[in-house]
């Protein structure tokens, strides 16, 4: 995994943890959390390629949407 991708996943994981705490939801196991962040980053990259936009803003939207579905 490249340096930038690694940083994107770390950022997504921090934001995801914060959202779980903010919504008073239990944190999943670390392995599950990392799978979720990988999916979020992949999806953010796909959306950014299709319509452009700020990758961080797209990740924030995806995290919020992800937790609303739970």
PDB file of N, CA and C in Angstrom:
ATOM      1  N   UNK A   1       0.852  -1.168   0.000  1.00  0.00           N
ATOM      2  CA  UNK A   1       0.000   0.000   0.000  1.00  0.00           C
ATOM      3  C   UNK A   1       0.901   1.235   0.000  1.00  0.00           C
ATOM      4  N   UNK A   2       0.508   2.214  -0.790  1.00  0.00           N
ATOM      5  CA  UNK A   2       1.292   3.427  -0.891  1.00  0.00           C
ATOM      6  C   UNK A   2       1.111   4.350   0.300  1.00  0.00           C
ATOM      7  N   UNK A   3       2.019   5.279   0.425  1.00  0.00           N
ATOM      8  CA  UNK A   3       2.012   6.219   1.537  1.00  0.00           C
ATOM      9  C   UNK A   3       0.715   7.037   1.568  1.00  0.00           C
ATOM     10  N   UNK A   4       0.315   7.569   0.416  1.00  0.00           N
ATOM     11  CA  UNK A   4      -0.871   8.425   0.383  1.00  0.00           C
ATOM     12  C   UNK A   4      -2.120   7.622   0.727  1.00  0.00           C
ATOM     13  N   UNK A   5      -2.245   6.437   0.163  1.00  0.00           N
ATOM     14  CA  UNK A   5      -3.397   5.581   0.458  1.00  0.00           C
ATOM     15  C   UNK A   5      -3.442   5.260   1.955  1.00  0.00           C
ATOM     16  N   UNK A   6      -2.288   4.978   2.530  1.00  0.00           N
ATOM     17  CA  UNK A   6      -2.202   4.674   3.954  1.00  0.00           C
ATOM     18  C   UNK A   6      -2.693   5.866   4.781  1.00  0.00           C
ATOM     19  N   UNK A   7      -2.291   7.062   4.388  1.00  0.00           N
ATOM     20  CA  UNK A   7      -2.711   8.267   5.110  1.00  0.00           C
ATOM     21  C   UNK A   7      -4.215   8.491   4.955  1.00  0.00           C
ATOM     22  N   UNK A   8      -4.748   8.225   3.759  1.00  0.00           N
ATOM     23  CA  UNK A   8      -6.186   8.378   3.543  1.00  0.00           C
ATOM     24  C   UNK A   8      -6.972   7.419   4.441  1.00  0.00           C
ATOM     25  N   UNK A   9      -6.494   6.197   4.546  1.00  0.00           N
ATOM     26  CA  UNK A   9      -7.178   5.219   5.393  1.00  0.00           C
ATOM     27  C   UNK A   9      -7.082   5.599   6.872  1.00  0.00           C
ATOM     28  N   UNK A  10      -5.945   6.110   7.301  1.00  0.00           N
ATOM     29  CA  UNK A  10      -5.817   6.556   8.696  1.00  0.00           C
ATOM     30  C   UNK A  10      -6.787   7.694   8.985  1.00  0.00           C
ATOM     31  N   UNK A  11      -6.886   8.632   8.052  1.00  0.00           N
ATOM     32  CA  UNK A  11      -7.795   9.763   8.214  1.00  0.00           C
ATOM     33  C   UNK A  11      -9.245   9.283   8.255  1.00  0.00           C
ATOM     34  N   UNK A  12      -9.611   8.378   7.352  1.00  0.00           N
ATOM     35  CA  UNK A  12     -10.967   7.838   7.327  1.00  0.00           C
ATOM     36  C   UNK A  12     -11.266   7.078   8.621  1.00  0.00           C
ATOM     37  N   UNK A  13     -10.291   6.333   9.141  1.00  0.00           N
ATOM     38  CA  UNK A  13     -10.482   5.589  10.389  1.00  0.00           C
ATOM     39  C   UNK A  13     -10.715   6.541  11.558  1.00  0.00           C
ATOM     40  N   UNK A  14      -9.954   7.618  11.621  1.00  0.00           N
ATOM     41  CA  UNK A  14     -10.151   8.600  12.694  1.00  0.00           C
ATOM     42  C   UNK A  14     -11.539   9.211  12.617  1.00  0.00           C
ATOM     43  N   UNK A  15     -11.945   9.569  11.400  1.00  0.00           N
ATOM     44  CA  UNK A  15     -13.256  10.174  11.238  1.00  0.00           C
ATOM     45  C   UNK A  15     -14.356   9.171  11.576  1.00  0.00           C
ATOM     46  N   UNK A  16     -14.182   7.920  11.169  1.00  0.00           N
ATOM     47  CA  UNK A  16     -15.172   6.889  11.458  1.00  0.00           C
ATOM     48  C   UNK A  16     -15.283   6.646  12.958  1.00  0.00           C
ATOM     49  N   UNK A  17     -14.152   6.568  13.660  1.00  0.00           N
ATOM     50  CA  UNK A  17     -14.184   6.405  15.125  1.00  0.00           C
ATOM     51  C   UNK A  17     -14.915   7.571  15.787  1.00  0.00           C
ATOM     52  N   UNK A  18     -14.621   8.778  15.321  1.00  0.00           N
ATOM     53  CA  UNK A  18     -15.253   9.971  15.873  1.00  0.00           C
ATOM     54  C   UNK A  18     -16.765   9.921  15.670  1.00  0.00           C
ATOM     55  N   UNK A  19     -17.193   9.490  14.475  1.00  0.00           N
ATOM     56  CA  UNK A  19     -18.623   9.397  14.196  1.00  0.00           C
ATOM     57  C   UNK A  19     -19.299   8.342  15.074  1.00  0.00           C
ATOM     58  N   UNK A  20     -18.637   7.205  15.270  1.00  0.00           N
ATOM     59  CA  UNK A  20     -19.192   6.177  16.161  1.00  0.00           C
ATOM     60  C   UNK A  20     -19.364   6.746  17.570  1.00  0.00           C
ATOM     61  N   UNK A  21     -18.345   7.426  18.074  1.00  0.00           N
ATOM     62  CA  UNK A  21     -18.422   7.999  19.423  1.00  0.00           C
ATOM     63  C   UNK A  21     -19.491   9.080  19.508  1.00  0.00           C
ATOM     64  N   UNK A  22     -19.556   9.910  18.483  1.00  0.00           N
ATOM     65  CA  UNK A  22     -20.529  11.000  18.450  1.00  0.00           C
ATOM     66  C   UNK A  22     -21.955  10.456  18.494  1.00  0.00           C
ATOM     67  N   UNK A  23     -22.195   9.343  17.817  1.00  0.00           N
ATOM     68  CA  UNK A  23     -23.526   8.749  17.775  1.00  0.00           C
ATOM     69  C   UNK A  23     -23.738   7.726  18.894  1.00  0.00           C
ATOM     70  N   UNK A  24     -22.738   7.630  19.781  1.00  0.00           N
ATOM     71  CA  UNK A  24     -22.796   6.721  20.930  1.00  0.00           C
ATOM     72  C   UNK A  24     -23.045   5.272  20.501  1.00  0.00           C
ATOM     73  N   UNK A  25     -22.360   4.873  19.435  1.00  0.00           N
ATOM     74  CA  UNK A  25     -22.419   3.495  18.951  1.00  0.00           C
ATOM     75  C   UNK A  25     -21.148   2.774  19.377  1.00  0.00           C
ATOM     76  N   UNK A  26     -21.231   1.485  19.643  1.00  0.00           N
ATOM     77  CA  UNK A  26     -20.013   0.743  20.016  1.00  0.00           C
ATOM     78  C   UNK A  26     -19.073   0.624  18.814  1.00  0.00           C
ATOM     79  N   UNK A  27     -17.790   0.774  19.078  1.00  0.00           N
ATOM     80  CA  UNK A  27     -16.798   0.626  18.018  1.00  0.00           C
ATOM     81  C   UNK A  27     -16.698  -0.839  17.609  1.00  0.00           C
ATOM     82  N   UNK A  28     -16.624  -1.108  16.311  1.00  0.00           N
ATOM     83  CA  UNK A  28     -16.424  -2.500  15.889  1.00  0.00           C
ATOM     84  C   UNK A  28     -14.980  -2.922  16.175  1.00  0.00           C
ATOM     85  N   UNK A  29     -14.711  -4.192  15.997  1.00  0.00           N
ATOM     86  CA  UNK A  29     -13.337  -4.688  16.153  1.00  0.00           C
ATOM     87  C   UNK A  29     -12.436  -3.953  15.168  1.00  0.00           C
ATOM     88  N   UNK A  30     -11.162  -3.838  15.522  1.00  0.00           N
ATOM     89  CA  UNK A  30     -10.205  -3.082  14.695  1.00  0.00           C
ATOM     90  C   UNK A  30     -10.150  -3.604  13.261  1.00  0.00           C
ATOM     91  N   UNK A  31     -10.186  -4.929  13.102  1.00  0.00           N
ATOM     92  CA  UNK A  31     -10.137  -5.503  11.746  1.00  0.00           C
ATOM     93  C   UNK A  31     -11.363  -5.076  10.936  1.00  0.00           C
ATOM     94  N   UNK A  32     -12.537  -5.077  11.574  1.00  0.00           N
ATOM     95  CA  UNK A  32     -13.758  -4.650  10.889  1.00  0.00           C
ATOM     96  C   UNK A  32     -13.708  -3.163  10.554  1.00  0.00           C
ATOM     97  N   UNK A  33     -13.183  -2.383  11.475  1.00  0.00           N
ATOM     98  CA  UNK A  33     -13.053  -0.945  11.244  1.00  0.00           C
ATOM     99  C   UNK A  33     -12.140  -0.674  10.048  1.00  0.00           C
ATOM    100  N   UNK A  34     -11.052  -1.412   9.951  1.00  0.00           N
ATOM    101  CA  UNK A  34     -10.122  -1.206   8.833  1.00  0.00           C
ATOM    102  C   UNK A  34     -10.745  -1.645   7.506  1.00  0.00           C
ATOM    103  N   UNK A  35     -11.567  -2.677   7.521  1.00  0.00           N
ATOM    104  CA  UNK A  35     -12.280  -3.074   6.301  1.00  0.00           C
ATOM    105  C   UNK A  35     -13.258  -1.978   5.876  1.00  0.00           C
ATOM    106  N   UNK A  36     -13.945  -1.399   6.855  1.00  0.00           N
ATOM    107  CA  UNK A  36     -14.877  -0.312   6.557  1.00  0.00           C
ATOM    108  C   UNK A  36     -14.145   0.887   5.970  1.00  0.00           C
ATOM    109  N   UNK A  37     -13.009   1.236   6.561  1.00  0.00           N
ATOM    110  CA  UNK A  37     -12.277   2.401   6.059  1.00  0.00           C
ATOM    111  C   UNK A  37     -11.740   2.142   4.660  1.00  0.00           C
ATOM    112  N   UNK A  38     -11.297   0.921   4.384  1.00  0.00           N
ATOM    113  CA  UNK A  38     -10.801   0.607   3.033  1.00  0.00           C
ATOM    114  C   UNK A  38     -11.925   0.764   2.015  1.00  0.00           C
ATOM    115  N   UNK A  39     -13.124   0.291   2.371  1.00  0.00           N
ATOM    116  CA  UNK A  39     -14.274   0.434   1.464  1.00  0.00           C
ATOM    117  C   UNK A  39     -14.634   1.903   1.255  1.00  0.00           C
ATOM    118  N   UNK A  40     -14.588   2.674   2.328  1.00  0.00           N
ATOM    119  CA  UNK A  40     -14.918   4.098   2.235  1.00  0.00           C
ATOM    120  C   UNK A  40     -13.923   4.816   1.334  1.00  0.00           C
ATOM    121  N   UNK A  41     -12.639   4.546   1.507  1.00  0.00           N
ATOM    122  CA  UNK A  41     -11.614   5.193   0.688  1.00  0.00           C
ATOM    123  C   UNK A  41     -11.760   4.764  -0.778  1.00  0.00           C
ATOM    124  N   UNK A  42     -12.008   3.476  -1.017  1.00  0.00           N
ATOM    125  CA  UNK A  42     -12.217   2.996  -2.394  1.00  0.00           C
ATOM    126  C   UNK A  42     -13.397   3.709  -3.041  1.00  0.00           C
ATOM    127  N   UNK A  43     -14.494   3.790  -2.313  1.00  0.00           N
ATOM    128  CA  UNK A  43     -15.692   4.445  -2.836  1.00  0.00           C
ATOM    129  C   UNK A  43     -15.451   5.936  -3.071  1.00  0.00           C
ATOM    130  N   UNK A  44     -14.742   6.588  -2.171  1.00  0.00           N
ATOM    131  CA  UNK A  44     -14.423   8.012  -2.335  1.00  0.00           C
ATOM    132  C   UNK A  44     -13.582   8.233  -3.587  1.00  0.00           C
ATOM    133  N   UNK A  45     -12.628   7.358  -3.838  1.00  0.00           N
ATOM    134  CA  UNK A  45     -11.806   7.472  -5.039  1.00  0.00           C
ATOM    135  C   UNK A  45     -12.659   7.275  -6.300  1.00  0.00           C
ATOM    136  N   UNK A  46     -13.577   6.308  -6.251  1.00  0.00           N
ATOM    137  CA  UNK A  46     -14.438   6.056  -7.399  1.00  0.00           C
ATOM    138  C   UNK A  46     -15.311   7.276  -7.698  1.00  0.00           C
ATOM    139  N   UNK A  47     -15.899   7.855  -6.661  1.00  0.00           N
ATOM    140  CA  UNK A  47     -16.748   9.029  -6.831  1.00  0.00           C
ATOM    141  C   UNK A  47     -15.932  10.208  -7.338  1.00  0.00           C
ATOM    142  N   UNK A  48     -14.747  10.407  -6.786  1.00  0.00           N
ATOM    143  CA  UNK A  48     -13.895  11.520  -7.211  1.00  0.00           C
ATOM    144  C   UNK A  48     -13.512  11.377  -8.688  1.00  0.00           C
ATOM    145  N   UNK A  49     -13.258  10.145  -9.127  1.00  0.00           N
ATOM    146  CA  UNK A  49     -12.933   9.934 -10.544  1.00  0.00           C
ATOM    147  C   UNK A  49     -14.126  10.245 -11.442  1.00  0.00           C
ATOM    148  N   UNK A  50     -15.317   9.860 -10.996  1.00  0.00           N
ATOM    149  CA  UNK A  50     -16.514  10.043 -11.818  1.00  0.00           C
ATOM    150  C   UNK A  50     -16.961  11.495 -11.901  1.00  0.00           C
ATOM    151  N   UNK A  51     -16.995  12.173 -10.774  1.00  0.00           N
ATOM    152  CA  UNK A  51     -17.572  13.523 -10.791  1.00  0.00           C
ATOM    153  C   UNK A  51     -16.627  14.606 -10.298  1.00  0.00           C
ATOM    154  N   UNK A  52     -15.423  14.205  -9.904  1.00  0.00           N
ATOM    155  CA  UNK A  52     -14.486  15.190  -9.371  1.00  0.00           C
ATOM    156  C   UNK A  52     -14.853  15.551  -7.949  1.00  0.00           C
ATOM    157  N   UNK A  53     -14.122  16.433  -7.372  1.00  0.00           N
ATOM    158  CA  UNK A  53     -14.429  16.875  -6.022  1.00  0.00           C
ATOM    159  C   UNK A  53     -13.300  16.592  -5.052  1.00  0.00           C
ATOM    160  N   UNK A  54     -13.482  17.091  -3.863  1.00  0.00           N
ATOM    161  CA  UNK A  54     -12.511  16.969  -2.801  1.00  0.00           C
ATOM    162  C   UNK A  54     -12.651  15.595  -2.146  1.00  0.00           C
ATOM    163  N   UNK A  55     -11.585  14.818  -2.164  1.00  0.00           N
ATOM    164  CA  UNK A  55     -11.614  13.460  -1.627  1.00  0.00           C
ATOM    165  C   UNK A  55     -12.015  13.438  -0.158  1.00  0.00           C
ATOM    166  N   UNK A  56     -11.508  14.373   0.637  1.00  0.00           N
ATOM    167  CA  UNK A  56     -11.845  14.407   2.066  1.00  0.00           C
ATOM    168  C   UNK A  56     -13.335  14.661   2.270  1.00  0.00           C
ATOM    169  N   UNK A  57     -13.909  15.584   1.527  1.00  0.00           N
ATOM    170  CA  UNK A  57     -15.344  15.881   1.651  1.00  0.00           C
ATOM    171  C   UNK A  57     -16.178  14.668   1.262  1.00  0.00           C
ATOM    172  N   UNK A  58     -15.759  13.969   0.221  1.00  0.00           N
ATOM    173  CA  UNK A  58     -16.470  12.772  -0.205  1.00  0.00           C
ATOM    174  C   UNK A  58     -16.394  11.706   0.889  1.00  0.00           C
ATOM    175  N   UNK A  59     -15.210  11.519   1.505  1.00  0.00           N
ATOM    176  CA  UNK A  59     -15.069  10.535   2.577  1.00  0.00           C
ATOM    177  C   UNK A  59     -15.966  10.888   3.761  1.00  0.00           C
ATOM    178  N   UNK A  60     -16.051  12.171   4.112  1.00  0.00           N
ATOM    179  CA  UNK A  60     -16.917  12.584   5.214  1.00  0.00           C
ATOM    180  C   UNK A  60     -18.367  12.218   4.924  1.00  0.00           C
ATOM    181  N   UNK A  61     -18.816  12.476   3.692  1.00  0.00           N
ATOM    182  CA  UNK A  61     -20.181  12.132   3.314  1.00  0.00           C
ATOM    183  C   UNK A  61     -20.413  10.626   3.398  1.00  0.00           C
ATOM    184  N   UNK A  62     -19.453   9.859   2.907  1.00  0.00           N
ATOM    185  CA  UNK A  62     -19.593   8.404   2.909  1.00  0.00           C
ATOM    186  C   UNK A  62     -19.652   7.840   4.330  1.00  0.00           C
ATOM    187  N   UNK A  63     -18.833   8.371   5.219  1.00  0.00           N
ATOM    188  CA  UNK A  63     -18.859   7.907   6.614  1.00  0.00           C
ATOM    189  C   UNK A  63     -20.214   8.205   7.240  1.00  0.00           C
ATOM    190  N   UNK A  64     -20.714   9.404   7.029  1.00  0.00           N
ATOM    191  CA  UNK A  64     -22.020   9.772   7.571  1.00  0.00           C
ATOM    192  C   UNK A  64     -23.114   8.875   7.016  1.00  0.00           C
ATOM    193  N   UNK A  65     -23.092   8.645   5.702  1.00  0.00           N
ATOM    194  CA  UNK A  65     -24.079   7.777   5.074  1.00  0.00           C
ATOM    195  C   UNK A  65     -23.954   6.345   5.585  1.00  0.00           C
ATOM    196  N   UNK A  66     -22.730   5.867   5.744  1.00  0.00           N
ATOM    197  CA  UNK A  66     -22.485   4.512   6.216  1.00  0.00           C
ATOM    198  C   UNK A  66     -23.119   4.293   7.584  1.00  0.00           C
ATOM    199  N   UNK A  67     -22.941   5.240   8.489  1.00  0.00           N
ATOM    200  CA  UNK A  67     -23.465   5.078   9.844  1.00  0.00           C
ATOM    201  C   UNK A  67     -24.976   5.263   9.895  1.00  0.00           C
ATOM    202  N   UNK A  68     -25.546   6.014   8.977  1.00  0.00           N
ATOM    203  CA  UNK A  68     -26.995   6.185   8.951  1.00  0.00           C
ATOM    204  C   UNK A  68     -27.682   4.885   8.549  1.00  0.00           C
ATOM    205  N   UNK A  69     -26.992   4.056   7.758  1.00  0.00           N
ATOM    206  CA  UNK A  69     -27.572   2.799   7.295  1.00  0.00           C
ATOM    207  C   UNK A  69     -27.583   1.751   8.398  1.00  0.00           C
ATOM    208  N   UNK A  70     -26.780   1.908   9.436  1.00  0.00           N
ATOM    209  CA  UNK A  70     -26.692   0.913  10.518  1.00  0.00           C
ATOM    210  C   UNK A  70     -27.878   0.974  11.429  1.00  0.00           C
TER     211      UNK A  70
END
